[in-house]
Amino acid sequence: MAQVRAGATGTALGGVKSRPIEEERRPWGSFHTLEEGPGYKVKRLVIRPGQRLSLQKHRHRSEHWVVVAGTATVTNGAQVLRLGRRACTVIPRQAWHRIENRGRTPVVVIEVQHGAYLGEDDIIRKQDDYGRAASRESRAATQPTRTRERRG
């Protein structure tokens, strides 16, 4: 099997070679969208030491997380899991969840999202260290509206 080198970029995180579709910075670290298709999206999340994502859930998608570097503390519904490299968990649609980095090195997670709607506005935050948890009224105003086509 031949290695692809043309145009691939390495990073400081172990020589990862990929071309992100988009990159977004967050208070807890960053994410890169690696691939997107009908009903799925693949991201690489980098969580800085001492940081964590919001305690959140999604109305329209489930997620599959694989830890590829570091040790993550993961809330998945009522469970709190400690996941090391190569460990994974599935986050069902509507389950409260978060990733936390209690270590000294970045935690890197590959996230595969599955669902009919994968927009960043499909996040309902219950708790957030960075002041982004909205009231019920403002959450309702920002939720995507979906209509079903009636047949027949």
C-alpha atoms as a PDB file:
ATOM      1  CA  MET A   1       0.000   0.000   0.000  1.00  0.00           C
ATOM      2  CA  ALA A   2       1.473   3.378  -1.017  1.00  0.00           C
ATOM      3  CA  GLN A   3       1.658   6.296   1.383  1.00  0.00           C
ATOM      4  CA  VAL A   4      -0.067   9.500   0.342  1.00  0.00           C
ATOM      5  CA  ARG A   5       2.201  12.467   0.877  1.00  0.00           C
ATOM      6  CA  ALA A   6       1.100  15.127  -1.553  1.00  0.00           C
ATOM      7  CA  GLY A   7      -0.611  17.935   0.317  1.00  0.00           C
ATOM      8  CA  ALA A   8      -0.995  16.088   3.628  1.00  0.00           C
ATOM      9  CA  THR A   9      -0.097  18.122   6.684  1.00  0.00           C
ATOM     10  CA  GLY A  10       1.513  16.912   9.910  1.00  0.00           C
ATOM     11  CA  THR A  11       0.762  18.363  13.341  1.00  0.00           C
ATOM     12  CA  ALA A  12       2.527  18.531  16.677  1.00  0.00           C
ATOM     13  CA  LEU A  13       0.230  15.729  17.882  1.00  0.00           C
ATOM     14  CA  GLY A  14       2.165  12.681  16.737  1.00  0.00           C
ATOM     15  CA  GLY A  15       2.470  13.403  13.027  1.00  0.00           C
ATOM     16  CA  VAL A  16      -1.244  13.242  12.195  1.00  0.00           C
ATOM     17  CA  LYS A  17      -1.695  13.622   8.449  1.00  0.00           C
ATOM     18  CA  SER A  18      -5.014  14.959   7.247  1.00  0.00           C
ATOM     19  CA  ARG A  19      -6.628  17.923   5.585  1.00  0.00           C
ATOM     20  CA  PRO A  20      -9.365  19.332   7.802  1.00  0.00           C
ATOM     21  CA  ILE A  21     -12.423  20.683   6.028  1.00  0.00           C
ATOM     22  CA  GLU A  22     -12.772  23.264   8.795  1.00  0.00           C
ATOM     23  CA  GLU A  23     -11.146  24.148  12.110  1.00  0.00           C
ATOM     24  CA  GLU A  24     -12.845  25.835  15.034  1.00  0.00           C
ATOM     25  CA  ARG A  25     -11.360  27.057  18.301  1.00  0.00           C
ATOM     26  CA  ARG A  26     -13.321  26.661  21.528  1.00  0.00           C
ATOM     27  CA  PRO A  27     -12.518  27.681  25.122  1.00  0.00           C
ATOM     28  CA  TRP A  28     -11.701  24.013  25.909  1.00  0.00           C
ATOM     29  CA  GLY A  29      -9.476  23.439  22.838  1.00  0.00           C
ATOM     30  CA  SER A  30     -10.421  22.915  19.187  1.00  0.00           C
ATOM     31  CA  PHE A  31     -12.055  20.635  16.677  1.00  0.00           C
ATOM     32  CA  HIS A  32     -11.352  19.833  13.057  1.00  0.00           C
ATOM     33  CA  THR A  33     -13.992  18.476  10.705  1.00  0.00           C
ATOM     34  CA  LEU A  34     -12.200  15.736   8.757  1.00  0.00           C
ATOM     35  CA  GLU A  35     -14.993  14.379   6.599  1.00  0.00           C
ATOM     36  CA  GLU A  36     -18.687  14.956   6.059  1.00  0.00           C
ATOM     37  CA  GLY A  37     -21.306  13.067   4.083  1.00  0.00           C
ATOM     38  CA  PRO A  38     -25.032  12.306   4.078  1.00  0.00           C
ATOM     39  CA  GLY A  39     -26.006  11.480   7.664  1.00  0.00           C
ATOM     40  CA  TYR A  40     -22.482  11.503   9.133  1.00  0.00           C
ATOM     41  CA  LYS A  41     -19.604  13.811  10.111  1.00  0.00           C
ATOM     42  CA  VAL A  42     -16.114  12.929  11.403  1.00  0.00           C
ATOM     43  CA  LYS A  43     -14.235  15.315  13.708  1.00  0.00           C
ATOM     44  CA  ARG A  44     -10.959  15.367  15.622  1.00  0.00           C
ATOM     45  CA  LEU A  45     -11.427  17.031  19.031  1.00  0.00           C
ATOM     46  CA  VAL A  46      -8.415  18.290  20.998  1.00  0.00           C
ATOM     47  CA  ILE A  47      -9.177  19.013  24.670  1.00  0.00           C
ATOM     48  CA  ARG A  48      -6.523  21.015  26.525  1.00  0.00           C
ATOM     49  CA  PRO A  49      -5.307  19.873  29.969  1.00  0.00           C
ATOM     50  CA  GLY A  50      -7.663  20.937  32.758  1.00  0.00           C
ATOM     51  CA  GLN A  51     -10.518  21.733  30.341  1.00  0.00           C
ATOM     52  CA  ARG A  52     -13.857  20.115  29.526  1.00  0.00           C
ATOM     53  CA  LEU A  53     -16.741  20.430  27.109  1.00  0.00           C
ATOM     54  CA  SER A  54     -20.245  21.461  28.156  1.00  0.00           C
ATOM     55  CA  LEU A  55     -22.542  18.910  29.718  1.00  0.00           C
ATOM     56  CA  GLN A  56     -24.760  18.683  26.660  1.00  0.00           C
ATOM     57  CA  LYS A  57     -27.114  16.614  24.549  1.00  0.00           C
ATOM     58  CA  HIS A  58     -28.316  16.588  20.947  1.00  0.00           C
ATOM     59  CA  ARG A  59     -31.848  16.206  19.615  1.00  0.00           C
ATOM     60  CA  HIS A  60     -30.915  14.933  16.160  1.00  0.00           C
ATOM     61  CA  ARG A  61     -27.673  12.956  16.395  1.00  0.00           C
ATOM     62  CA  SER A  62     -25.766  10.252  18.217  1.00  0.00           C
ATOM     63  CA  GLU A  63     -21.968  10.191  18.504  1.00  0.00           C
ATOM     64  CA  HIS A  64     -19.240   7.557  18.653  1.00  0.00           C
ATOM     65  CA  TRP A  65     -16.045   8.654  20.440  1.00  0.00           C
ATOM     66  CA  VAL A  66     -12.638   6.969  20.174  1.00  0.00           C
ATOM     67  CA  VAL A  67      -9.789   8.280  22.348  1.00  0.00           C
ATOM     68  CA  VAL A  68      -6.570   8.363  20.311  1.00  0.00           C
ATOM     69  CA  ALA A  69      -4.312  10.270  22.760  1.00  0.00           C
ATOM     70  CA  GLY A  70      -4.384  10.984  26.481  1.00  0.00           C
ATOM     71  CA  THR A  71      -6.946   9.839  29.034  1.00  0.00           C
ATOM     72  CA  ALA A  72     -10.464  11.266  28.916  1.00  0.00           C
ATOM     73  CA  THR A  73     -13.035  11.373  31.685  1.00  0.00           C
ATOM     74  CA  VAL A  74     -16.340  10.925  29.857  1.00  0.00           C
ATOM     75  CA  THR A  75     -19.860  11.454  31.129  1.00  0.00           C
ATOM     76  CA  ASN A  76     -22.275   9.325  29.100  1.00  0.00           C
ATOM     77  CA  GLY A  77     -25.753   9.505  30.592  1.00  0.00           C
ATOM     78  CA  ALA A  78     -25.526   8.325  34.219  1.00  0.00           C
ATOM     79  CA  GLN A  79     -22.067   6.751  33.703  1.00  0.00           C
ATOM     80  CA  VAL A  80     -18.715   8.420  34.253  1.00  0.00           C
ATOM     81  CA  LEU A  81     -16.002   6.551  32.353  1.00  0.00           C
ATOM     82  CA  ARG A  82     -12.234   6.888  32.277  1.00  0.00           C
ATOM     83  CA  LEU A  83     -11.141   6.134  28.718  1.00  0.00           C
ATOM     84  CA  GLY A  84      -7.528   5.687  27.650  1.00  0.00           C
ATOM     85  CA  ARG A  85      -6.041   5.370  24.202  1.00  0.00           C
ATOM     86  CA  ARG A  86      -8.041   3.112  21.820  1.00  0.00           C
ATOM     87  CA  ALA A  87     -11.067   3.030  24.158  1.00  0.00           C
ATOM     88  CA  CYS A  88     -14.445   4.109  22.827  1.00  0.00           C
ATOM     89  CA  THR A  89     -18.027   4.849  23.800  1.00  0.00           C
ATOM     90  CA  VAL A  90     -21.290   5.486  21.965  1.00  0.00           C
ATOM     91  CA  ILE A  91     -23.336   8.533  22.982  1.00  0.00           C
ATOM     92  CA  PRO A  92     -27.024   7.923  22.190  1.00  0.00           C
ATOM     93  CA  ARG A  93     -29.197  10.721  20.848  1.00  0.00           C
ATOM     94  CA  GLN A  94     -30.661  12.786  23.749  1.00  0.00           C
ATOM     95  CA  ALA A  95     -28.075  11.504  26.304  1.00  0.00           C
ATOM     96  CA  TRP A  96     -26.291  14.064  28.498  1.00  0.00           C
ATOM     97  CA  HIS A  97     -22.553  13.825  27.817  1.00  0.00           C
ATOM     98  CA  ARG A  98     -19.192  15.570  28.087  1.00  0.00           C
ATOM     99  CA  ILE A  99     -15.447  14.989  27.700  1.00  0.00           C
ATOM    100  CA  GLU A 100     -13.068  16.165  30.390  1.00  0.00           C
ATOM    101  CA  ASN A 101      -9.261  16.283  30.407  1.00  0.00           C
ATOM    102  CA  ARG A 102      -7.938  15.911  33.958  1.00  0.00           C
ATOM    103  CA  GLY A 103      -4.427  15.108  32.714  1.00  0.00           C
ATOM    104  CA  ARG A 104      -1.334  17.098  31.775  1.00  0.00           C
ATOM    105  CA  THR A 105      -1.309  16.389  28.035  1.00  0.00           C
ATOM    106  CA  PRO A 106      -3.957  17.053  25.381  1.00  0.00           C
ATOM    107  CA  VAL A 107      -6.739  14.515  24.954  1.00  0.00           C
ATOM    108  CA  VAL A 108      -7.515  13.747  21.320  1.00  0.00           C
ATOM    109  CA  VAL A 109     -10.840  12.138  20.411  1.00  0.00           C
ATOM    110  CA  ILE A 110     -12.151  11.083  17.023  1.00  0.00           C
ATOM    111  CA  GLU A 111     -15.882  11.760  16.965  1.00  0.00           C
ATOM    112  CA  VAL A 112     -18.235  10.215  14.417  1.00  0.00           C
ATOM    113  CA  GLN A 113     -21.649  11.855  14.374  1.00  0.00           C
ATOM    114  CA  HIS A 114     -24.681  10.036  12.944  1.00  0.00           C
ATOM    115  CA  GLY A 115     -28.076  11.593  12.319  1.00  0.00           C
ATOM    116  CA  ALA A 116     -30.467  13.450  10.084  1.00  0.00           C
ATOM    117  CA  TYR A 117     -29.193  16.873  11.224  1.00  0.00           C
ATOM    118  CA  LEU A 118     -25.565  17.508  12.254  1.00  0.00           C
ATOM    119  CA  GLY A 119     -25.429  21.302  12.701  1.00  0.00           C
ATOM    120  CA  GLU A 120     -23.519  22.951  15.549  1.00  0.00           C
ATOM    121  CA  ASP A 121     -26.778  24.553  16.700  1.00  0.00           C
ATOM    122  CA  ASP A 122     -28.113  21.124  17.770  1.00  0.00           C
ATOM    123  CA  ILE A 123     -26.533  21.481  21.222  1.00  0.00           C
ATOM    124  CA  ILE A 124     -28.573  21.772  24.402  1.00  0.00           C
ATOM    125  CA  ARG A 125     -26.246  22.730  27.256  1.00  0.00           C
ATOM    126  CA  LYS A 126     -27.081  21.823  30.849  1.00  0.00           C
ATOM    127  CA  GLN A 127     -23.811  23.053  32.399  1.00  0.00           C
ATOM    128  CA  ASP A 128     -20.901  24.993  30.920  1.00  0.00           C
ATOM    129  CA  ASP A 129     -17.679  26.297  32.501  1.00  0.00           C
ATOM    130  CA  TYR A 130     -17.511  29.137  29.961  1.00  0.00           C
ATOM    131  CA  GLY A 131     -20.949  30.726  30.432  1.00  0.00           C
ATOM    132  CA  ARG A 132     -22.523  29.258  27.302  1.00  0.00           C
ATOM    133  CA  ALA A 133     -25.396  27.354  28.970  1.00  0.00           C
ATOM    134  CA  ALA A 134     -28.530  29.170  27.805  1.00  0.00           C
ATOM    135  CA  SER A 135     -31.906  29.491  29.424  1.00  0.00           C
ATOM    136  CA  ARG A 136     -34.775  27.363  28.107  1.00  0.00           C
ATOM    137  CA  GLU A 137     -36.259  30.340  26.284  1.00  0.00           C
ATOM    138  CA  SER A 138     -33.096  31.212  24.361  1.00  0.00           C
ATOM    139  CA  ARG A 139     -32.408  27.532  23.589  1.00  0.00           C
ATOM    140  CA  ALA A 140     -35.866  27.158  22.095  1.00  0.00           C
ATOM    141  CA  ALA A 141     -35.294  30.231  19.924  1.00  0.00           C
ATOM    142  CA  THR A 142     -32.056  28.792  18.483  1.00  0.00           C
ATOM    143  CA  GLN A 143     -33.209  25.213  17.867  1.00  0.00           C
ATOM    144  CA  PRO A 144     -33.381  24.221  14.218  1.00  0.00           C
ATOM    145  CA  THR A 145     -36.902  23.941  12.911  1.00  0.00           C
ATOM    146  CA  ARG A 146     -37.626  20.845  10.919  1.00  0.00           C
ATOM    147  CA  THR A 147     -40.641  20.189   8.771  1.00  0.00           C
ATOM    148  CA  ARG A 148     -41.785  16.880   7.429  1.00  0.00           C
ATOM    149  CA  GLU A 149     -43.038  16.557   3.929  1.00  0.00           C
ATOM    150  CA  ARG A 150     -46.488  15.007   3.810  1.00  0.00           C
ATOM    151  CA  ARG A 151     -47.095  12.504   1.093  1.00  0.00           C
ATOM    152  CA  GLY A 152     -50.254  11.376  -0.329  1.00  0.00           C
END
